[in-house]
Amino acid sequence: FSDRMKPDFKGSIQSLFEAKRLGQKNGVDYYKYELDKKGKLAKTADAATLDVLKAVVDAPKAFDDQEIIDRMMLALCNETVRCLEDNIVATPSEADMAMIMGIGFPPFRGGPCRYIDQFGVQNYLALCDKYASLGKAYEAPQMIRDMAANGKTFYPQA
């Protein structure tokens, strides 16, 4: 699934790597790592980072909390749905439990499939369409499109 997971652009991580900014290993990445008064590594801002990233970073943009949540949740939920489509996991409840127990998805959200149901499949599809330009990971899986078209949900509605 490299079409969804491998970026088709050079990002900040690649730029830092090429500039030999390897993190705590050599003391610089986004930050500069220096020993504090207690002898522990502490990160401090490093103005040179901006020079390294100039070529790959767009103009600064402020993201509100909800946009950050939406962009993170879409990619995660879409991959979960694709696991259902590809029969990697058999049921939405198994997928949800795997995400709760496996990666620590917030239990009070009930898992990615429950999250989509609570958000509303139509609303979720609209959000996917809104962010589809960010790449394949954000494009709605066919299962979501079919569910939205047919008024379906992952779980029976009470």
Protein backbone atom coordinates (compact mmCIF):
# COMPACT_ATOMS: atom_id res chain seq x y z
CA PHE A 1 0.00 0.00 0.00
CA SER A 2 2.88 2.35 -0.74
CA ASP A 3 0.49 4.48 -2.79
CA ARG A 4 -1.06 5.58 0.53
CA MET A 5 1.86 5.46 2.93
CA LYS A 6 4.87 6.62 0.96
CA PRO A 7 4.81 10.35 0.29
CA ASP A 8 5.38 11.49 -3.28
CA PHE A 9 7.29 14.52 -2.07
CA LYS A 10 10.43 15.29 -0.14
CA GLY A 11 9.47 16.13 3.42
CA SER A 12 11.14 17.57 6.45
CA ILE A 13 12.41 14.22 7.77
CA GLN A 14 14.23 13.47 4.51
CA SER A 15 15.70 16.98 4.47
CA LEU A 16 16.95 16.66 8.04
CA PHE A 17 18.48 13.26 7.27
CA GLU A 18 20.28 14.61 4.19
CA ALA A 19 21.62 17.49 6.29
CA LYS A 20 23.02 14.93 8.76
CA ARG A 21 20.63 16.14 11.46
CA LEU A 22 20.11 12.71 13.02
CA GLY A 23 18.57 13.65 16.35
CA GLN A 24 20.01 12.76 19.71
CA LYS A 25 22.50 10.52 17.92
CA ASN A 26 24.49 13.58 16.80
CA GLY A 27 22.80 16.33 18.82
CA VAL A 28 20.64 18.02 16.16
CA ASP A 29 17.39 17.48 14.28
CA TYR A 30 14.53 19.97 14.51
CA TYR A 31 16.16 20.94 17.79
CA LYS A 32 19.65 21.14 19.21
CA TYR A 33 20.30 18.72 22.07
CA GLU A 34 22.58 19.90 24.82
CA LEU A 35 23.26 18.77 28.35
CA ASP A 36 21.35 20.67 31.00
CA LYS A 37 22.56 21.49 34.51
CA LYS A 38 21.71 17.97 35.67
CA GLY A 39 23.64 16.35 32.83
CA LYS A 40 20.54 15.26 30.90
CA LEU A 41 19.88 16.00 27.26
CA ALA A 42 17.57 18.96 26.78
CA LYS A 43 16.24 20.18 23.46
CA THR A 44 16.50 23.83 22.53
CA ALA A 45 15.35 25.76 19.49
CA ASP A 46 17.85 25.77 16.63
CA ALA A 47 17.57 28.60 14.10
CA ALA A 48 19.56 26.57 11.55
CA THR A 49 16.61 24.19 11.24
CA LEU A 50 14.64 26.80 9.31
CA ASP A 51 17.38 27.02 6.69
CA VAL A 52 17.36 23.25 6.21
CA LEU A 53 13.57 23.13 5.87
CA LYS A 54 13.06 26.22 3.66
CA ALA A 55 12.86 24.19 0.46
CA VAL A 56 10.23 21.75 1.71
CA VAL A 57 8.00 23.78 4.01
CA ASP A 58 5.12 25.90 2.79
CA ALA A 59 4.31 29.23 4.30
CA PRO A 60 3.41 28.90 7.95
CA LYS A 61 -0.22 27.98 8.53
CA ALA A 62 -2.18 27.87 11.73
CA PHE A 63 -4.19 24.70 12.28
CA ASP A 64 -7.03 24.68 14.75
CA ASP A 65 -7.38 21.71 17.07
CA GLN A 66 -10.25 20.16 15.13
CA GLU A 67 -8.36 20.21 11.83
CA ILE A 68 -5.44 18.41 13.45
CA ILE A 69 -7.79 15.81 14.92
CA ASP A 70 -9.62 15.36 11.61
CA ARG A 71 -6.46 14.87 9.59
CA MET A 72 -5.03 12.34 12.04
CA MET A 73 -8.29 10.42 12.47
CA LEU A 74 -9.06 10.21 8.75
CA ALA A 75 -5.85 8.43 7.86
CA LEU A 76 -6.17 6.00 10.78
CA CYS A 77 -9.87 5.28 10.27
CA ASN A 78 -9.47 4.87 6.51
CA GLU A 79 -6.77 2.23 6.98
CA THR A 80 -9.00 0.41 9.45
CA VAL A 81 -11.84 0.38 6.90
CA ARG A 82 -9.45 -0.85 4.22
CA CYS A 83 -8.54 -3.75 6.51
CA LEU A 84 -12.23 -4.66 6.54
CA GLU A 85 -12.46 -4.28 2.75
CA ASP A 86 -9.43 -6.52 2.24
CA ASN A 87 -10.70 -9.13 4.73
CA ILE A 88 -7.66 -8.65 6.94
CA VAL A 89 -10.11 -8.37 9.80
CA ALA A 90 -13.59 -9.90 9.69
CA THR A 91 -15.83 -7.53 11.60
CA PRO A 92 -15.96 -3.88 12.70
CA SER A 93 -15.96 -4.96 16.35
CA GLU A 94 -12.75 -6.96 15.85
CA ALA A 95 -11.14 -4.01 14.09
CA ASP A 96 -12.20 -1.65 16.86
CA MET A 97 -10.95 -3.95 19.61
CA ALA A 98 -7.63 -4.43 17.81
CA MET A 99 -7.13 -0.68 17.59
CA ILE A 100 -8.08 -0.11 21.23
CA MET A 101 -5.90 -2.91 22.56
CA GLY A 102 -3.15 -2.68 19.93
CA ILE A 103 -2.39 1.01 19.50
CA GLY A 104 -4.27 2.53 22.39
CA PHE A 105 -7.15 4.07 20.46
CA PRO A 106 -9.23 5.89 23.10
CA PRO A 107 -11.62 3.29 24.54
CA PHE A 108 -14.31 5.89 25.18
CA ARG A 109 -14.44 6.46 21.40
CA GLY A 110 -15.12 2.75 20.86
CA GLY A 111 -12.63 2.28 18.00
CA PRO A 112 -12.38 3.68 14.48
CA CYS A 113 -15.58 2.06 13.16
CA ARG A 114 -17.62 3.24 16.15
CA TYR A 115 -16.02 6.68 15.74
CA ILE A 116 -17.18 6.82 12.09
CA ASP A 117 -20.70 5.76 13.09
CA GLN A 118 -20.86 8.40 15.83
CA PHE A 119 -19.50 11.06 13.48
CA GLY A 120 -22.01 9.99 10.85
CA VAL A 121 -20.99 8.08 7.72
CA GLN A 122 -22.20 10.91 5.45
CA ASN A 123 -20.28 13.49 7.51
CA TYR A 124 -17.21 11.27 7.51
CA LEU A 125 -17.38 10.89 3.72
CA ALA A 126 -17.65 14.67 3.34
CA LEU A 127 -14.55 15.08 5.53
CA CYS A 128 -12.65 12.55 3.42
CA ASP A 129 -13.62 14.45 0.28
CA LYS A 130 -12.52 17.72 1.89
CA TYR A 131 -9.03 16.38 2.57
CA ALA A 132 -8.64 14.03 -0.42
CA SER A 133 -6.18 16.44 -2.02
CA LEU A 134 -3.69 15.60 0.75
CA GLY A 135 -3.15 12.13 -0.70
CA LYS A 136 -4.48 8.60 -1.01
CA ALA A 137 -4.53 8.03 2.75
CA TYR A 138 -7.30 10.64 3.02
CA GLU A 139 -9.45 9.39 0.14
CA ALA A 140 -12.59 7.63 1.30
CA PRO A 141 -12.47 3.84 0.93
CA GLN A 142 -15.13 2.40 -1.38
CA MET A 143 -16.80 0.75 1.61
CA ILE A 144 -17.47 4.19 3.13
CA ARG A 145 -18.87 5.49 -0.17
CA ASP A 146 -21.17 2.45 -0.44
CA MET A 147 -22.29 2.75 3.17
CA ALA A 148 -23.07 6.45 2.75
CA ALA A 149 -25.01 5.80 -0.47
CA ASN A 150 -27.08 3.08 1.19
CA GLY A 151 -27.58 4.67 4.61
CA LYS A 152 -25.58 1.91 6.34
CA THR A 153 -23.47 2.01 9.49
CA PHE A 154 -20.93 -0.38 10.97
CA TYR A 155 -23.11 -1.06 13.99
CA PRO A 156 -26.92 -1.27 14.24
CA GLN A 157 -28.38 2.03 15.36
CA ALA A 158 -30.52 1.89 18.49
